């Protein structure tokens, strides 16, 4: 569910970036940055749970 939220937030950020005339390439990079942050957050959760006592 959180990955879907990160995807939607990334799409919104991409549209806003494109609306501010940043260009398609930079807007796509903004989308991928937000999306990969969501993926890394999901991936790091079990690792962080192991570190907590």
N, C-alpha and C. Protein backbone atom coordinates (compact mmCIF):
# COMPACT_ATOMS: atom_id res chain seq x y z
N UNK A 1 0.82 -1.19 0.00
CA UNK A 1 0.00 0.00 0.00
C UNK A 1 0.87 1.26 0.00
N UNK A 2 1.95 1.22 0.81
CA UNK A 2 2.82 2.40 0.85
C UNK A 2 3.54 2.61 -0.46
N UNK A 3 3.85 1.53 -1.17
CA UNK A 3 4.51 1.68 -2.46
C UNK A 3 3.59 2.36 -3.47
N UNK A 4 2.31 2.07 -3.39
CA UNK A 4 1.34 2.75 -4.24
C UNK A 4 1.28 4.24 -3.89
N UNK A 5 1.36 4.56 -2.62
CA UNK A 5 1.35 5.97 -2.20
C UNK A 5 2.60 6.68 -2.72
N UNK A 6 3.76 6.03 -2.63
CA UNK A 6 4.98 6.64 -3.15
C UNK A 6 4.89 6.82 -4.66
N UNK A 7 4.26 5.89 -5.36
CA UNK A 7 4.10 6.02 -6.80
C UNK A 7 3.21 7.20 -7.15
N UNK A 8 2.11 7.35 -6.45
CA UNK A 8 1.20 8.47 -6.72
C UNK A 8 1.86 9.80 -6.38
N UNK A 9 2.58 9.85 -5.26
CA UNK A 9 3.28 11.08 -4.90
C UNK A 9 4.36 11.40 -5.93
N UNK A 10 5.04 10.38 -6.42
CA UNK A 10 6.04 10.58 -7.46
C UNK A 10 5.43 11.10 -8.75
N UNK A 11 4.27 10.56 -9.13
CA UNK A 11 3.60 11.06 -10.33
C UNK A 11 3.15 12.51 -10.17
N UNK A 12 2.65 12.84 -9.00
CA UNK A 12 2.24 14.23 -8.75
C UNK A 12 3.45 15.15 -8.80
N UNK A 13 4.56 14.74 -8.20
CA UNK A 13 5.77 15.56 -8.23
C UNK A 13 6.29 15.69 -9.65
N UNK A 14 6.16 14.63 -10.45
CA UNK A 14 6.60 14.70 -11.84
C UNK A 14 5.75 15.69 -12.63
N UNK A 15 4.46 15.66 -12.42
CA UNK A 15 3.57 16.57 -13.14
C UNK A 15 3.83 18.01 -12.72
N UNK A 16 4.05 18.23 -11.43
CA UNK A 16 4.34 19.58 -10.95
C UNK A 16 5.68 20.06 -11.51
N UNK A 17 6.67 19.19 -11.53
CA UNK A 17 7.97 19.56 -12.10
C UNK A 17 7.87 19.89 -13.57
N UNK A 18 7.08 19.14 -14.30
CA UNK A 18 6.89 19.41 -15.72
C UNK A 18 6.10 20.70 -15.92
N UNK A 19 5.17 20.99 -15.02
CA UNK A 19 4.38 22.21 -15.12
C UNK A 19 5.24 23.45 -14.87
N UNK A 20 6.30 23.31 -14.06
CA UNK A 20 7.21 24.42 -13.81
C UNK A 20 8.32 24.50 -14.86
N UNK A 21 8.13 23.83 -15.98
CA UNK A 21 9.05 23.86 -17.13
C UNK A 21 10.45 23.35 -16.79
N UNK A 22 10.52 22.31 -16.00
CA UNK A 22 11.82 21.71 -15.71
C UNK A 22 12.26 20.76 -16.82
N UNK A 23 11.35 20.37 -17.67
CA UNK A 23 11.68 19.45 -18.76
C UNK A 23 11.28 18.03 -18.42
N UNK A 24 11.13 17.25 -19.46
CA UNK A 24 10.68 15.87 -19.29
C UNK A 24 11.70 14.99 -18.60
N UNK A 25 12.97 15.20 -18.91
CA UNK A 25 14.01 14.36 -18.31
C UNK A 25 14.11 14.58 -16.82
N UNK A 26 14.13 15.84 -16.41
CA UNK A 26 14.22 16.13 -14.98
C UNK A 26 12.95 15.71 -14.25
N UNK A 27 11.80 15.85 -14.89
CA UNK A 27 10.55 15.42 -14.27
C UNK A 27 10.56 13.89 -14.08
N UNK A 28 11.09 13.17 -15.05
CA UNK A 28 11.19 11.72 -14.91
C UNK A 28 12.16 11.34 -13.80
N UNK A 29 13.25 12.08 -13.67
CA UNK A 29 14.20 11.80 -12.60
C UNK A 29 13.59 12.06 -11.23
N UNK A 30 12.76 13.08 -11.13
CA UNK A 30 12.06 13.36 -9.88
C UNK A 30 11.13 12.19 -9.54
N UNK A 31 10.40 11.71 -10.53
CA UNK A 31 9.51 10.56 -10.32
C UNK A 31 10.30 9.34 -9.86
N UNK A 32 11.41 9.04 -10.53
CA UNK A 32 12.19 7.87 -10.17
C UNK A 32 12.82 8.02 -8.80
N UNK A 33 13.23 9.24 -8.43
CA UNK A 33 13.79 9.48 -7.10
C UNK A 33 12.77 9.16 -6.02
N UNK A 34 11.56 9.64 -6.19
CA UNK A 34 10.51 9.39 -5.18
C UNK A 34 10.15 7.90 -5.16
N UNK A 35 10.06 7.29 -6.33
CA UNK A 35 9.70 5.87 -6.41
C UNK A 35 10.76 5.00 -5.76
N UNK A 36 12.04 5.25 -6.05
CA UNK A 36 13.10 4.44 -5.47
C UNK A 36 13.26 4.69 -3.98
N UNK A 37 12.91 5.88 -3.50
CA UNK A 37 12.89 6.09 -2.06
C UNK A 37 11.84 5.20 -1.41
N UNK A 38 10.70 5.04 -2.04
CA UNK A 38 9.68 4.13 -1.53
C UNK A 38 10.13 2.68 -1.55
N UNK A 39 10.81 2.30 -2.61
CA UNK A 39 11.32 0.92 -2.71
C UNK A 39 12.38 0.67 -1.65
N UNK A 40 13.29 1.62 -1.48
CA UNK A 40 14.35 1.44 -0.48
C UNK A 40 13.79 1.46 0.94
N UNK A 41 12.75 2.24 1.16
CA UNK A 41 12.10 2.25 2.47
C UNK A 41 11.49 0.88 2.76
N UNK A 42 10.85 0.30 1.77
CA UNK A 42 10.24 -1.03 1.93
C UNK A 42 11.31 -2.09 2.12
N UNK A 43 12.42 -1.96 1.40
CA UNK A 43 13.49 -2.94 1.46
C UNK A 43 14.26 -2.87 2.78
N UNK A 44 14.39 -1.67 3.34
CA UNK A 44 15.19 -1.49 4.55
C UNK A 44 14.42 -1.79 5.82
N UNK A 45 13.12 -1.93 5.76
CA UNK A 45 12.33 -2.18 6.97
C UNK A 45 12.76 -3.42 7.74
N UNK A 46 12.92 -4.59 7.08
CA UNK A 46 13.37 -5.76 7.86
C UNK A 46 14.78 -5.59 8.42
N UNK A 47 15.63 -4.89 7.69
CA UNK A 47 16.99 -4.67 8.20
C UNK A 47 16.98 -3.79 9.44
N UNK A 48 16.16 -2.77 9.43
CA UNK A 48 16.06 -1.90 10.60
C UNK A 48 15.40 -2.60 11.77
N UNK A 49 14.48 -3.50 11.49
CA UNK A 49 13.82 -4.26 12.56
C UNK A 49 14.81 -5.19 13.25
N UNK A 50 15.78 -5.71 12.51
CA UNK A 50 16.79 -6.57 13.13
C UNK A 50 17.72 -5.78 14.02
N UNK A 51 17.97 -4.54 13.68
CA UNK A 51 18.91 -3.73 14.46
C UNK A 51 18.31 -3.25 15.77
N UNK A 52 16.99 -3.17 15.81
CA UNK A 52 16.33 -2.72 17.04
C UNK A 52 16.28 -3.86 18.05
N UNK A 53 16.55 -3.55 19.32
CA UNK A 53 16.53 -4.63 20.33
C UNK A 53 15.12 -5.07 20.70
